[in-house]
N, C-alpha and C. Protein backbone atom coordinates (compact mmCIF):
# COMPACT_ATOMS: atom_id res chain seq x y z
N MET A 1 135.15 105.80 85.74
CA MET A 1 133.90 106.36 86.87
C MET A 1 133.19 105.14 87.15
N TYR A 2 132.36 104.55 86.13
CA TYR A 2 131.46 103.35 86.14
C TYR A 2 131.94 102.29 86.82
N GLU A 3 133.44 101.88 86.24
CA GLU A 3 134.07 100.66 86.95
C GLU A 3 134.42 101.01 88.58
N LEU A 4 134.78 102.29 88.74
CA LEU A 4 134.63 102.75 90.32
C LEU A 4 133.59 102.66 90.90
N LEU A 5 132.76 103.04 90.59
CA LEU A 5 131.05 102.82 91.19
C LEU A 5 130.60 101.46 91.32
N ARG A 6 130.73 100.97 90.29
CA ARG A 6 130.40 99.44 90.43
C ARG A 6 131.12 98.45 91.08
N GLY A 7 132.38 98.75 90.87
CA GLY A 7 133.09 97.84 91.58
C GLY A 7 133.28 98.11 93.43
N PRO A 8 134.57 98.65 93.69
CA PRO A 8 135.04 99.24 95.19
C PRO A 8 134.04 100.04 95.73
N LEU A 9 133.52 100.75 94.96
CA LEU A 9 132.47 101.62 95.98
C LEU A 9 131.35 100.93 96.05
N ALA A 10 130.77 100.20 95.37
CA ALA A 10 129.45 99.20 95.60
C ALA A 10 129.84 98.11 96.76
N SER A 11 131.05 97.55 96.69
CA SER A 11 131.54 96.73 97.73
C SER A 11 131.54 97.59 99.08
N VAL A 12 132.08 98.69 99.43
CA VAL A 12 132.15 99.34 100.38
C VAL A 12 130.72 99.87 101.00
N SER A 13 129.73 99.99 99.83
CA SER A 13 128.40 100.53 100.35
C SER A 13 127.95 99.25 101.02
N PHE A 14 127.94 98.18 100.55
CA PHE A 14 127.32 96.69 100.87
C PHE A 14 127.98 96.59 102.31
N ILE A 15 129.27 96.51 102.35
CA ILE A 15 129.87 96.20 104.05
C ILE A 15 129.39 96.84 104.82
N ILE A 16 129.38 98.54 104.49
CA ILE A 16 128.66 99.53 105.50
C ILE A 16 127.27 99.07 105.84
N PHE A 17 126.62 98.75 104.85
CA PHE A 17 125.17 98.20 105.07
C PHE A 17 124.99 97.22 106.15
N PHE A 18 125.84 96.32 105.97
CA PHE A 18 125.61 94.85 106.58
C PHE A 18 126.10 94.88 107.89
N ILE A 19 127.16 96.11 108.28
CA ILE A 19 127.86 95.99 109.46
C ILE A 19 126.72 97.04 110.27
N GLY A 20 126.21 98.10 109.61
CA GLY A 20 125.43 98.97 110.27
C GLY A 20 123.89 98.24 110.71
N CYS A 21 123.34 97.12 109.73
CA CYS A 21 122.48 96.37 110.32
C CYS A 21 122.84 95.42 111.42
N GLY A 22 123.95 95.15 111.50
CA GLY A 22 124.84 94.11 112.31
C GLY A 22 124.46 95.05 113.78
N ILE A 23 124.97 95.89 113.71
CA ILE A 23 125.20 96.79 114.91
C ILE A 23 123.42 97.08 115.47
N GLN A 24 122.52 97.74 114.19
CA GLN A 24 121.49 97.73 115.05
C GLN A 24 120.69 96.36 115.67
N ILE A 25 120.94 95.20 114.93
CA ILE A 25 120.46 93.90 115.38
C ILE A 25 121.08 93.72 116.89
N TYR A 26 122.48 94.12 117.20
CA TYR A 26 122.99 94.06 118.37
C TYR A 26 122.35 95.02 119.19
N ARG A 27 121.99 96.34 119.05
CA ARG A 27 121.38 97.15 119.80
C ARG A 27 120.13 96.69 120.30
N PHE A 28 119.29 96.07 119.40
CA PHE A 28 118.13 95.32 119.73
C PHE A 28 118.20 94.31 120.49
N THR A 29 119.05 93.49 120.74
CA THR A 29 119.35 92.64 121.68
C THR A 29 119.47 92.83 122.98
N ARG A 30 120.40 94.32 122.94
CA ARG A 30 120.60 94.85 124.09
C ARG A 30 119.77 95.46 125.14
N VAL A 31 118.35 95.89 124.41
CA VAL A 31 117.15 96.79 124.86
C VAL A 31 115.88 95.49 124.99
N THR A 32 116.63 94.36 124.37
CA THR A 32 115.37 93.13 125.01
C THR A 32 116.04 92.04 125.52
N GLN A 33 115.00 91.23 126.09
CA GLN A 33 115.09 90.11 126.52
C GLN A 33 114.36 89.02 126.19
N SER A 34 114.95 87.69 126.52
CA SER A 34 114.60 86.63 125.64
C SER A 34 113.32 85.90 126.90
N ILE A 35 112.24 85.56 126.16
CA ILE A 35 110.94 85.17 127.01
C ILE A 35 111.27 83.44 127.28
N PRO A 36 111.33 83.16 128.48
CA PRO A 36 111.52 81.56 128.69
C PRO A 36 110.42 80.74 127.99
N GLN A 37 110.63 79.84 127.19
CA GLN A 37 109.54 79.29 126.41
C GLN A 37 109.47 77.85 127.14
N LYS A 38 108.19 77.54 127.23
CA LYS A 38 108.06 76.02 127.99
C LYS A 38 108.41 74.90 126.92
N GLY A 39 108.10 75.08 125.51
CA GLY A 39 108.47 74.00 124.93
C GLY A 39 108.50 74.51 123.28
N LYS A 40 109.45 74.10 122.44
CA LYS A 40 109.39 74.70 120.98
C LYS A 40 108.11 74.07 120.33
N SER A 41 107.64 75.24 119.86
CA SER A 41 106.91 74.71 118.49
C SER A 41 107.08 74.71 117.06
N PRO A 42 106.40 73.68 116.53
CA PRO A 42 107.08 73.49 115.09
C PRO A 42 106.76 74.70 114.34
N TRP A 43 107.54 74.89 113.28
CA TRP A 43 107.21 76.23 112.34
C TRP A 43 105.74 76.17 111.73
N THR A 44 105.14 75.03 111.43
CA THR A 44 103.63 75.17 111.23
C THR A 44 102.92 75.67 112.19
N ALA A 45 103.17 75.57 113.57
CA ALA A 45 102.20 75.71 114.57
C ALA A 45 102.42 77.23 114.61
N ILE A 46 103.73 77.79 114.50
CA ILE A 46 104.11 79.10 114.54
C ILE A 46 103.51 79.98 113.60
N LEU A 47 103.63 79.54 112.35
CA LEU A 47 103.03 80.21 110.95
C LEU A 47 101.51 80.08 111.07
N LYS A 48 100.98 79.09 111.72
CA LYS A 48 99.48 79.04 112.02
C LYS A 48 98.85 80.39 112.81
N ALA A 49 99.66 80.32 114.01
CA ALA A 49 99.45 81.21 114.88
C ALA A 49 99.60 82.71 114.48
N GLY A 50 100.75 82.81 113.88
CA GLY A 50 101.11 83.99 113.09
C GLY A 50 99.83 84.68 112.02
N LEU A 51 99.31 83.72 111.43
CA LEU A 51 98.29 84.11 110.15
C LEU A 51 97.15 84.52 111.08
N GLY A 52 96.89 83.58 112.01
CA GLY A 52 95.48 83.72 112.71
C GLY A 52 95.37 85.17 113.50
N ARG A 53 96.62 85.59 114.03
CA ARG A 53 96.90 86.63 114.88
C ARG A 53 96.59 88.00 113.79
N THR A 54 97.42 87.77 112.51
CA THR A 54 97.17 88.89 111.53
C THR A 54 95.87 88.83 111.20
N TRP A 55 94.92 88.14 111.11
CA TRP A 55 93.47 87.77 110.42
C TRP A 55 92.68 88.34 111.63
N LYS A 56 92.97 88.14 112.58
CA LYS A 56 92.07 89.03 113.84
C LYS A 56 92.60 90.35 113.80
N ASN A 57 93.62 90.67 114.00
CA ASN A 57 93.87 92.20 113.67
C ASN A 57 93.10 93.09 112.56
N LEU A 58 92.84 92.23 111.66
CA LEU A 58 92.38 92.88 110.23
C LEU A 58 91.02 92.86 110.40
N ALA A 59 90.28 91.82 111.04
CA ALA A 59 88.97 91.62 111.18
C ALA A 59 88.46 92.56 112.59
N ASP A 60 89.14 92.63 113.43
CA ASP A 60 89.02 93.67 114.63
C ASP A 60 88.58 95.05 114.28
N PRO A 61 87.63 96.00 114.30
CA PRO A 61 87.62 97.08 114.02
C PRO A 61 88.67 97.82 115.00
N SER A 62 88.56 97.51 116.14
CA SER A 62 89.37 98.54 117.23
C SER A 62 90.77 98.24 116.96
N ALA A 63 91.24 97.03 116.34
CA ALA A 63 92.58 96.53 116.27
C ALA A 63 92.85 97.39 115.03
N ARG A 64 92.05 97.69 113.71
CA ARG A 64 92.20 98.44 112.45
C ARG A 64 92.53 99.94 112.88
N ARG A 65 91.60 100.43 113.89
CA ARG A 65 91.66 101.74 114.32
C ARG A 65 92.86 102.05 114.77
N GLY A 66 93.40 101.06 115.89
CA GLY A 66 94.46 101.36 116.20
C GLY A 66 96.08 101.45 115.88
N SER A 67 95.87 100.72 114.33
CA SER A 67 96.97 100.30 113.62
C SER A 67 97.24 101.54 112.45
N GLY A 68 95.96 102.47 112.50
CA GLY A 68 95.67 103.40 111.60
C GLY A 68 94.88 103.18 110.05
N VAL A 69 94.92 101.76 109.86
CA VAL A 69 94.02 101.38 108.75
C VAL A 69 92.63 101.69 108.81
N GLY A 70 91.78 101.91 109.76
CA GLY A 70 90.53 102.32 109.79
C GLY A 70 90.45 103.79 109.76
N MET A 71 91.47 104.39 110.36
CA MET A 71 91.55 106.14 110.70
C MET A 71 91.75 106.33 108.93
N ASN A 72 92.54 106.06 108.23
CA ASN A 72 92.94 106.52 106.89
C ASN A 72 93.29 105.37 105.96
N PRO A 73 92.29 104.64 105.58
CA PRO A 73 92.62 103.64 104.55
C PRO A 73 93.25 104.08 103.16
N VAL A 74 93.01 105.17 102.76
CA VAL A 74 94.05 105.62 101.58
C VAL A 74 95.46 105.42 101.78
N ILE A 75 95.86 106.24 102.89
CA ILE A 75 97.24 106.59 103.40
C ILE A 75 97.72 105.03 103.64
N SER A 76 96.92 104.23 104.18
CA SER A 76 97.46 102.82 104.68
C SER A 76 97.65 102.09 103.38
N GLY A 77 96.66 102.24 102.21
CA GLY A 77 96.83 101.38 101.05
C GLY A 77 97.99 101.81 100.11
N VAL A 78 98.16 103.67 100.34
CA VAL A 78 99.15 103.84 99.64
C VAL A 78 100.60 103.40 100.22
N THR A 79 100.80 103.28 101.43
CA THR A 79 101.84 103.17 102.29
C THR A 79 102.16 101.82 101.78
N LEU A 80 101.30 100.72 101.94
CA LEU A 80 101.54 99.40 101.64
C LEU A 80 102.15 98.88 99.99
N VAL A 81 101.74 99.71 99.25
CA VAL A 81 101.94 99.56 97.82
C VAL A 81 103.19 99.83 97.74
N PHE A 82 103.37 101.28 98.27
CA PHE A 82 104.81 101.97 98.00
C PHE A 82 106.01 100.94 98.70
N HIS A 83 105.73 100.55 100.06
CA HIS A 83 106.90 99.63 100.32
C HIS A 83 106.88 98.34 99.70
N LEU A 84 105.73 97.59 99.39
CA LEU A 84 105.83 96.48 98.51
C LEU A 84 107.00 96.65 97.26
N CYS A 85 106.60 97.92 96.33
CA CYS A 85 107.06 98.14 95.16
C CYS A 85 108.66 98.74 95.41
N LEU A 86 108.81 99.23 96.64
CA LEU A 86 110.11 99.96 96.92
C LEU A 86 111.14 98.91 97.07
N ILE A 87 110.40 97.79 97.51
CA ILE A 87 111.46 96.44 98.07
C ILE A 87 111.61 95.60 97.15
N PHE A 88 110.85 95.32 96.44
CA PHE A 88 110.63 94.29 95.06
C PHE A 88 110.99 94.85 94.10
N THR A 89 110.89 96.22 93.49
CA THR A 89 111.62 96.51 92.32
C THR A 89 113.12 96.37 92.07
N PRO A 90 114.07 96.83 93.22
CA PRO A 90 115.24 96.86 93.16
C PRO A 90 116.09 95.47 93.05
N LEU A 91 115.24 94.84 94.10
CA LEU A 91 115.58 93.33 93.98
C LEU A 91 115.38 92.46 92.97
N PHE A 92 114.47 92.44 92.31
CA PHE A 92 114.02 91.60 90.94
C PHE A 92 114.47 92.45 89.92
N LEU A 93 114.98 93.25 89.65
CA LEU A 93 115.29 94.22 88.80
C LEU A 93 116.46 93.44 87.59
N LEU A 94 116.09 93.01 86.53
CA LEU A 94 116.97 92.38 85.80
C LEU A 94 118.43 93.09 85.48
N ALA A 95 118.69 94.22 85.42
CA ALA A 95 120.08 94.64 85.34
C ALA A 95 120.98 94.67 86.52
N HIS A 96 119.80 94.94 87.74
CA HIS A 96 120.67 94.76 88.95
C HIS A 96 121.07 93.21 89.08
N ASN A 97 120.49 92.28 88.91
CA ASN A 97 120.93 90.95 88.86
C ASN A 97 121.66 90.20 87.95
N MET A 98 122.11 91.09 86.54
CA MET A 98 122.90 90.84 85.92
C MET A 98 124.35 91.48 86.41
N LEU A 99 124.27 92.35 87.20
CA LEU A 99 125.63 93.28 87.67
C LEU A 99 125.90 92.31 88.85
N LEU A 100 124.82 91.90 89.77
CA LEU A 100 125.12 91.07 91.12
C LEU A 100 125.97 89.60 90.49
N ASP A 101 125.45 89.35 89.31
CA ASP A 101 126.02 87.97 88.41
C ASP A 101 127.46 88.02 88.10
N TRP A 102 127.53 89.05 87.40
CA TRP A 102 128.93 89.67 86.74
C TRP A 102 129.97 89.84 87.86
N SER A 103 129.84 90.31 88.90
CA SER A 103 130.50 90.73 89.97
C SER A 103 131.07 89.65 91.12
N TRP A 104 129.84 89.10 91.62
CA TRP A 104 129.76 88.37 92.71
C TRP A 104 129.45 86.83 92.51
N GLY A 105 128.80 86.62 91.13
CA GLY A 105 128.19 85.54 90.80
C GLY A 105 127.20 84.87 91.54
N VAL A 106 126.15 85.63 92.25
CA VAL A 106 124.75 85.26 92.67
C VAL A 106 123.67 86.40 92.01
N SER A 107 122.70 85.76 92.27
CA SER A 107 121.68 86.72 91.55
C SER A 107 120.21 86.05 92.16
N LEU A 108 119.23 87.14 91.83
CA LEU A 108 117.87 86.65 92.13
C LEU A 108 116.99 86.36 91.24
N PRO A 109 116.01 85.42 91.12
CA PRO A 109 115.01 85.72 89.92
C PRO A 109 114.68 87.32 89.68
N SER A 110 114.70 87.47 88.27
CA SER A 110 114.01 88.65 87.46
C SER A 110 112.91 88.78 86.98
N VAL A 111 112.40 90.07 87.10
CA VAL A 111 111.32 90.14 86.36
C VAL A 111 111.38 91.03 85.22
N SER A 112 110.38 90.93 84.17
CA SER A 112 110.54 91.62 82.51
C SER A 112 110.65 93.24 82.90
N GLU A 113 111.58 93.71 82.16
CA GLU A 113 111.64 95.14 82.31
C GLU A 113 110.55 96.09 82.10
N SER A 114 109.62 95.67 81.34
CA SER A 114 108.23 96.56 81.35
C SER A 114 107.50 96.45 82.89
N LEU A 115 107.63 95.24 83.51
CA LEU A 115 107.06 95.39 85.02
C LEU A 115 107.72 96.25 85.43
N SER A 116 109.34 95.90 85.71
CA SER A 116 110.08 96.86 86.74
C SER A 116 109.62 98.42 86.07
N ASP A 117 109.44 98.90 84.85
CA ASP A 117 109.17 100.45 84.62
C ASP A 117 107.65 100.71 85.39
N LYS A 118 106.91 99.62 85.04
CA LYS A 118 105.54 99.93 85.93
C LYS A 118 105.79 100.18 87.43
N LEU A 119 106.57 99.22 87.97
CA LEU A 119 106.85 99.34 89.51
C LEU A 119 107.43 100.63 89.92
N THR A 120 108.33 100.99 88.96
CA THR A 120 109.17 102.24 89.24
C THR A 120 108.45 103.34 89.08
N ILE A 121 107.33 103.45 88.36
CA ILE A 121 106.67 104.56 87.98
C ILE A 121 105.49 104.63 89.38
N ILE A 122 105.19 103.57 89.55
CA ILE A 122 104.32 103.48 91.21
C ILE A 122 104.95 103.81 92.20
N VAL A 123 106.25 103.44 92.44
CA VAL A 123 107.25 104.10 93.51
C VAL A 123 107.20 105.42 93.06
N LEU A 124 107.66 106.34 92.11
CA LEU A 124 107.67 107.69 91.94
C LEU A 124 106.30 108.24 92.29
N ALA A 125 105.34 107.69 91.88
CA ALA A 125 104.18 108.30 92.13
C ALA A 125 103.54 108.27 93.72
N CYS A 126 103.75 107.34 94.36
CA CYS A 126 103.74 107.07 95.62
C CYS A 126 104.71 108.02 96.62
N GLY A 127 105.66 107.99 95.81
CA GLY A 127 106.68 109.35 96.33
C GLY A 127 106.19 110.62 96.53
N GLY A 128 105.69 111.01 95.00
CA GLY A 128 105.37 112.52 95.00
C GLY A 128 104.21 112.66 96.19
N PHE A 129 103.28 111.68 96.19
CA PHE A 129 102.01 111.62 97.12
C PHE A 129 102.70 111.87 98.32
N PHE A 130 103.31 110.92 99.15
CA PHE A 130 104.11 111.40 100.13
C PHE A 130 104.81 112.66 100.53
N LEU A 131 105.50 113.05 99.56
CA LEU A 131 106.24 114.44 99.67
C LEU A 131 105.35 115.63 99.51
N GLY A 132 104.23 115.37 98.77
CA GLY A 132 103.29 116.36 98.32
C GLY A 132 102.53 116.75 99.95
N ARG A 133 101.94 115.53 100.61
CA ARG A 133 101.30 115.45 101.95
C ARG A 133 101.95 116.13 102.89
N ARG A 134 103.63 116.02 102.80
CA ARG A 134 104.40 116.49 103.93
C ARG A 134 104.41 118.07 103.64
N LEU A 135 104.31 118.52 102.45
CA LEU A 135 104.57 120.02 102.45
C LEU A 135 103.23 120.61 102.42
N LEU A 136 102.21 119.77 102.12
CA LEU A 136 100.70 120.58 101.77
C LEU A 136 99.78 120.75 102.72
N VAL A 137 100.04 119.25 103.42
CA VAL A 137 98.75 119.16 104.73
C VAL A 137 99.50 119.82 106.04
N PRO A 138 98.68 120.84 106.02
CA PRO A 138 99.41 121.84 107.46
C PRO A 138 99.62 120.75 108.78
N LYS A 139 98.98 119.80 109.32
CA LYS A 139 99.44 118.97 110.43
C LYS A 139 100.49 118.09 110.18
N VAL A 140 100.80 117.55 108.82
CA VAL A 140 101.91 117.01 108.58
C VAL A 140 103.17 117.72 108.41
N ARG A 141 102.98 119.18 107.28
CA ARG A 141 103.98 120.03 107.57
C ARG A 141 104.58 120.55 108.80
N ALA A 142 103.56 120.47 109.94
CA ALA A 142 104.59 121.07 111.08
C ALA A 142 105.08 120.26 111.58
N LEU A 143 105.27 118.60 111.35
CA LEU A 143 105.93 117.90 112.01
C LEU A 143 107.49 117.75 110.93
N THR A 144 106.88 117.86 110.00
CA THR A 144 108.19 117.92 108.61
C THR A 144 109.51 118.74 109.12
N THR A 145 110.58 117.98 109.07
CA THR A 145 112.02 118.80 109.05
C THR A 145 112.57 118.62 107.67
N LEU A 146 113.47 119.62 107.69
CA LEU A 146 114.43 119.51 106.27
C LEU A 146 114.95 117.95 106.36
N ARG A 147 115.46 117.48 107.17
CA ARG A 147 115.79 115.97 107.21
C ARG A 147 114.88 114.82 106.57
N ASP A 148 113.72 115.22 107.08
CA ASP A 148 112.67 114.52 106.54
C ASP A 148 112.63 114.41 104.92
N VAL A 149 112.58 115.77 104.58
CA VAL A 149 112.33 115.85 103.11
C VAL A 149 113.61 115.84 102.24
N GLY A 150 114.79 115.63 103.04
CA GLY A 150 116.09 114.71 102.28
C GLY A 150 116.10 113.35 102.33
N ILE A 151 115.44 112.86 103.26
CA ILE A 151 115.37 111.59 103.32
C ILE A 151 114.27 111.06 102.03
N CYS A 152 113.38 111.73 102.03
CA CYS A 152 112.56 111.34 101.02
C CYS A 152 113.18 111.39 99.70
N VAL A 153 113.45 112.45 99.30
CA VAL A 153 114.23 112.80 98.20
C VAL A 153 115.36 111.89 97.93
N LEU A 154 116.07 111.21 98.82
CA LEU A 154 117.06 110.25 98.49
C LEU A 154 116.39 109.00 98.32
N VAL A 155 115.49 108.73 99.04
CA VAL A 155 114.65 107.14 98.52
C VAL A 155 114.16 107.35 97.11
N PHE A 156 113.77 108.38 96.76
CA PHE A 156 113.13 108.60 95.50
C PHE A 156 114.16 108.79 94.15
N THR A 157 115.04 109.21 94.66
CA THR A 157 116.51 109.41 93.73
C THR A 157 117.09 108.41 92.83
N PRO A 158 117.01 107.32 93.54
CA PRO A 158 117.50 106.25 92.74
C PRO A 158 116.62 105.51 91.34
N PHE A 159 115.26 105.79 91.70
CA PHE A 159 114.35 105.28 90.89
C PHE A 159 114.21 106.18 89.93
N LEU A 160 114.25 107.55 90.26
CA LEU A 160 114.28 108.59 89.17
C LEU A 160 115.06 108.65 87.97
N THR A 161 116.28 108.83 88.93
CA THR A 161 117.23 108.68 87.81
C THR A 161 117.64 107.67 86.99
N GLY A 162 117.45 106.19 87.44
CA GLY A 162 117.56 104.92 86.88
C GLY A 162 116.24 104.91 85.74
N PHE A 163 115.11 105.48 85.99
CA PHE A 163 114.01 105.38 84.71
C PHE A 163 114.49 106.31 84.12
N ILE A 164 115.18 107.49 84.03
CA ILE A 164 115.65 108.53 83.04
C ILE A 164 116.77 107.70 82.52
N ALA A 165 117.86 107.24 83.10
CA ALA A 165 118.53 106.59 82.49
C ALA A 165 118.34 105.40 81.41
N TYR A 166 117.34 104.57 82.11
CA TYR A 166 117.12 103.63 81.20
C TYR A 166 116.14 104.02 79.90
N HIS A 167 115.59 104.96 79.71
CA HIS A 167 114.79 105.54 78.70
C HIS A 167 115.95 106.45 78.18
N GLN A 168 116.88 107.00 78.45
CA GLN A 168 117.89 107.61 77.96
C GLN A 168 117.29 109.10 77.72
N LEU A 169 116.27 109.54 78.50
CA LEU A 169 115.69 110.86 78.28
C LEU A 169 116.59 111.93 78.38
N PHE A 170 117.71 112.11 78.83
CA PHE A 170 118.79 113.26 78.99
C PHE A 170 120.09 112.41 78.90
N ALA A 171 120.98 112.77 79.59
CA ALA A 171 122.51 112.61 79.48
C ALA A 171 122.51 111.25 80.28
N TYR A 172 122.45 110.30 79.34
CA TYR A 172 122.60 108.98 79.78
C TYR A 172 123.50 108.80 81.08
N LYS A 173 124.68 108.78 80.54
CA LYS A 173 126.17 108.58 81.62
C LYS A 173 126.18 109.62 82.81
N THR A 174 125.34 110.83 82.63
CA THR A 174 125.20 111.39 84.20
C THR A 174 124.06 110.52 84.72
N PHE A 175 123.22 110.85 84.25
CA PHE A 175 121.95 109.92 85.23
C PHE A 175 122.39 108.65 85.76
N LEU A 176 123.21 107.74 85.06
CA LEU A 176 123.47 106.35 85.07
C LEU A 176 124.25 106.71 86.35
N TYR A 177 125.51 107.27 86.58
CA TYR A 177 126.25 107.70 87.59
C TYR A 177 125.36 108.00 88.77
N LEU A 178 124.36 109.32 88.78
CA LEU A 178 123.75 109.76 89.72
C LEU A 178 122.69 108.36 90.24
N HIS A 179 122.42 107.62 89.07
CA HIS A 179 121.58 106.58 89.81
C HIS A 179 122.44 105.38 90.68
N ILE A 180 123.62 105.28 90.45
CA ILE A 180 124.66 104.34 91.35
C ILE A 180 125.05 105.13 92.39
N ILE A 181 125.46 106.27 92.32
CA ILE A 181 125.72 106.93 93.60
C ILE A 181 124.62 107.23 94.34
N SER A 182 123.64 107.54 94.20
CA SER A 182 122.29 107.65 95.37
C SER A 182 121.92 106.57 95.77
N GLY A 183 122.15 105.33 94.71
CA GLY A 183 121.71 103.92 95.41
C GLY A 183 122.81 103.56 96.45
N GLU A 184 123.81 103.84 96.29
CA GLU A 184 124.75 103.29 97.02
C GLU A 184 124.81 104.35 98.49
N LEU A 185 124.68 105.66 98.45
CA LEU A 185 124.40 106.39 99.38
C LEU A 185 123.20 106.11 100.56
N LEU A 186 122.24 105.44 99.57
CA LEU A 186 121.01 105.06 100.12
C LEU A 186 121.13 103.74 101.03
N MET A 187 122.19 103.05 100.50
CA MET A 187 122.55 101.60 101.01
C MET A 187 123.35 101.99 102.68
N ILE A 188 124.17 102.93 102.21
CA ILE A 188 125.11 103.31 103.52
C ILE A 188 124.23 104.12 104.71
N LEU A 189 123.07 104.63 104.23
CA LEU A 189 122.59 105.55 105.39
C LEU A 189 121.32 104.99 105.93
N ILE A 190 120.80 103.59 105.45
CA ILE A 190 119.65 102.78 105.77
C ILE A 190 119.91 102.69 107.40
N PRO A 191 120.95 101.95 107.73
CA PRO A 191 121.12 101.60 109.65
C PRO A 191 121.29 102.53 110.28
N PHE A 192 121.51 103.88 109.65
CA PHE A 192 121.84 105.08 110.43
C PHE A 192 121.11 106.13 110.54
N THR A 193 120.00 105.97 109.77
CA THR A 193 118.92 106.78 109.84
C THR A 193 117.62 106.33 110.12
N MET A 194 116.19 107.36 109.93
CA MET A 194 115.04 106.77 109.98
C MET A 194 114.64 105.55 109.29
N LEU A 195 115.49 105.09 108.24
CA LEU A 195 115.13 104.36 107.34
C LEU A 195 115.75 103.16 108.16
N ASN A 196 116.03 103.03 108.92
CA ASN A 196 115.86 101.79 109.55
C ASN A 196 114.94 101.04 110.22
N HIS A 197 113.86 101.72 109.94
CA HIS A 197 112.65 101.01 110.17
C HIS A 197 112.37 99.57 109.49
N MET A 198 113.01 99.69 108.16
CA MET A 198 112.87 98.51 107.21
C MET A 198 113.38 97.36 107.84
N LEU A 199 114.38 97.53 108.91
CA LEU A 199 114.88 96.35 109.61
C LEU A 199 114.08 96.09 111.01
N TYR A 200 114.10 97.02 111.78
CA TYR A 200 112.96 97.14 112.89
C TYR A 200 111.77 96.68 112.77
N PHE A 201 111.15 96.83 111.50
CA PHE A 201 109.70 96.24 111.43
C PHE A 201 109.67 94.81 111.48
N PHE A 202 110.81 94.08 110.91
CA PHE A 202 110.69 92.65 111.02
C PHE A 202 111.11 92.17 112.28
N LEU A 203 112.35 93.13 113.02
CA LEU A 203 112.62 92.66 114.42
C LEU A 203 111.13 92.69 115.37
N ASN A 204 110.73 93.84 115.15
CA ASN A 204 109.53 94.05 116.26
C ASN A 204 107.97 93.03 116.09
N ARG A 205 107.97 92.77 114.80
CA ARG A 205 106.61 92.36 114.36
C ARG A 205 106.62 90.54 114.48
N PHE A 206 107.98 90.46 114.25
CA PHE A 206 108.42 88.89 114.45
C PHE A 206 109.03 88.42 115.91
N LEU A 207 109.61 89.26 116.34
CA LEU A 207 110.53 88.78 117.34
C LEU A 207 109.87 89.26 119.03
N ILE A 208 109.30 90.42 118.74
CA ILE A 208 108.72 91.31 120.11
C ILE A 208 107.29 90.59 120.50
N GLN A 209 107.08 90.22 121.42
CA GLN A 209 105.82 89.72 122.31
C GLN A 209 104.91 91.10 122.20
N SER A 210 103.68 91.29 121.46
CA SER A 210 102.79 92.44 121.82
C SER A 210 101.89 92.22 120.95
N GLU A 211 100.61 92.66 120.84
CA GLU A 211 99.24 92.44 120.15
C GLU A 211 99.71 92.86 118.93
N HIS A 212 100.67 93.60 118.41
CA HIS A 212 100.59 93.93 116.84
C HIS A 212 101.55 92.82 116.21
N SER A 213 102.24 92.02 116.93
CA SER A 213 102.93 91.04 116.35
C SER A 213 102.65 90.10 115.51
N LEU A 214 103.06 89.91 114.35
CA LEU A 214 102.64 89.03 113.16
C LEU A 214 102.87 87.42 113.72
N PHE A 215 103.98 87.32 114.67
CA PHE A 215 103.87 85.96 114.87
C PHE A 215 104.04 85.65 116.54
N PRO A 216 103.85 84.89 117.09
CA PRO A 216 104.30 84.96 118.74
C PRO A 216 105.33 85.29 118.85
N GLY A 217 105.72 86.44 119.64
CA GLY A 217 106.96 86.83 120.05
C GLY A 217 107.78 85.91 121.02
N THR A 218 109.20 86.04 120.83
CA THR A 218 109.86 85.24 121.80
C THR A 218 110.92 86.15 122.48
N ARG A 219 110.86 87.46 122.27
CA ARG A 219 111.47 88.67 123.24
C ARG A 219 110.43 89.65 123.44
N THR A 220 110.90 90.24 124.67
CA THR A 220 110.10 91.41 125.09
C THR A 220 111.35 92.80 125.63
N TRP A 221 110.87 93.78 125.68
CA TRP A 221 111.45 94.78 125.74
C TRP A 221 112.07 94.63 127.26
N ALA A 222 113.29 95.17 127.62
CA ALA A 222 113.95 94.71 128.66
C ALA A 222 113.44 95.97 129.62
């Protein structure tokens, strides 16, 4: 079972993930159009303009209110920490990079297991916060569907099962298998559910020309 999950099924989940991302990028290009550029700016100028725009948005009270930071800084702070840890932890986890190296001969730099442990706890704590908010805050609960709850649970499941398996709190093999299955299922669903905002965030913020762009955009909505 382990070899099946780590080998063929992992490859299938990666293939579906990248194909799905490609489909979303194609759809993005279909509903946007390129803005004619008078001249190409060097990357240093683009980076400087992007950082200046970001600082201006953070310093402008009206921009902060429009982005939600000024309206609810606690939610904004938890959201930022959650997303950073959510992406950073699996990418730089030592065990994941060892598996990538064994399977495909590639790997990323890894952080210590103790730091990964702390980041996992942060993700789970933030996840509990968001799930509790969806279920307990009336104005949020009114907009919450079973699909929303299911997506939340699926996002947190690989972290919870991985934490349990690493510390061998219960049946090790059972939770190891659940960890791998939930992680692969999550990768498959990312491009085809609301989780695709992880891709569209970068497409919108870096390519679309608007007041919320992090960099001067080169495309606009068709």
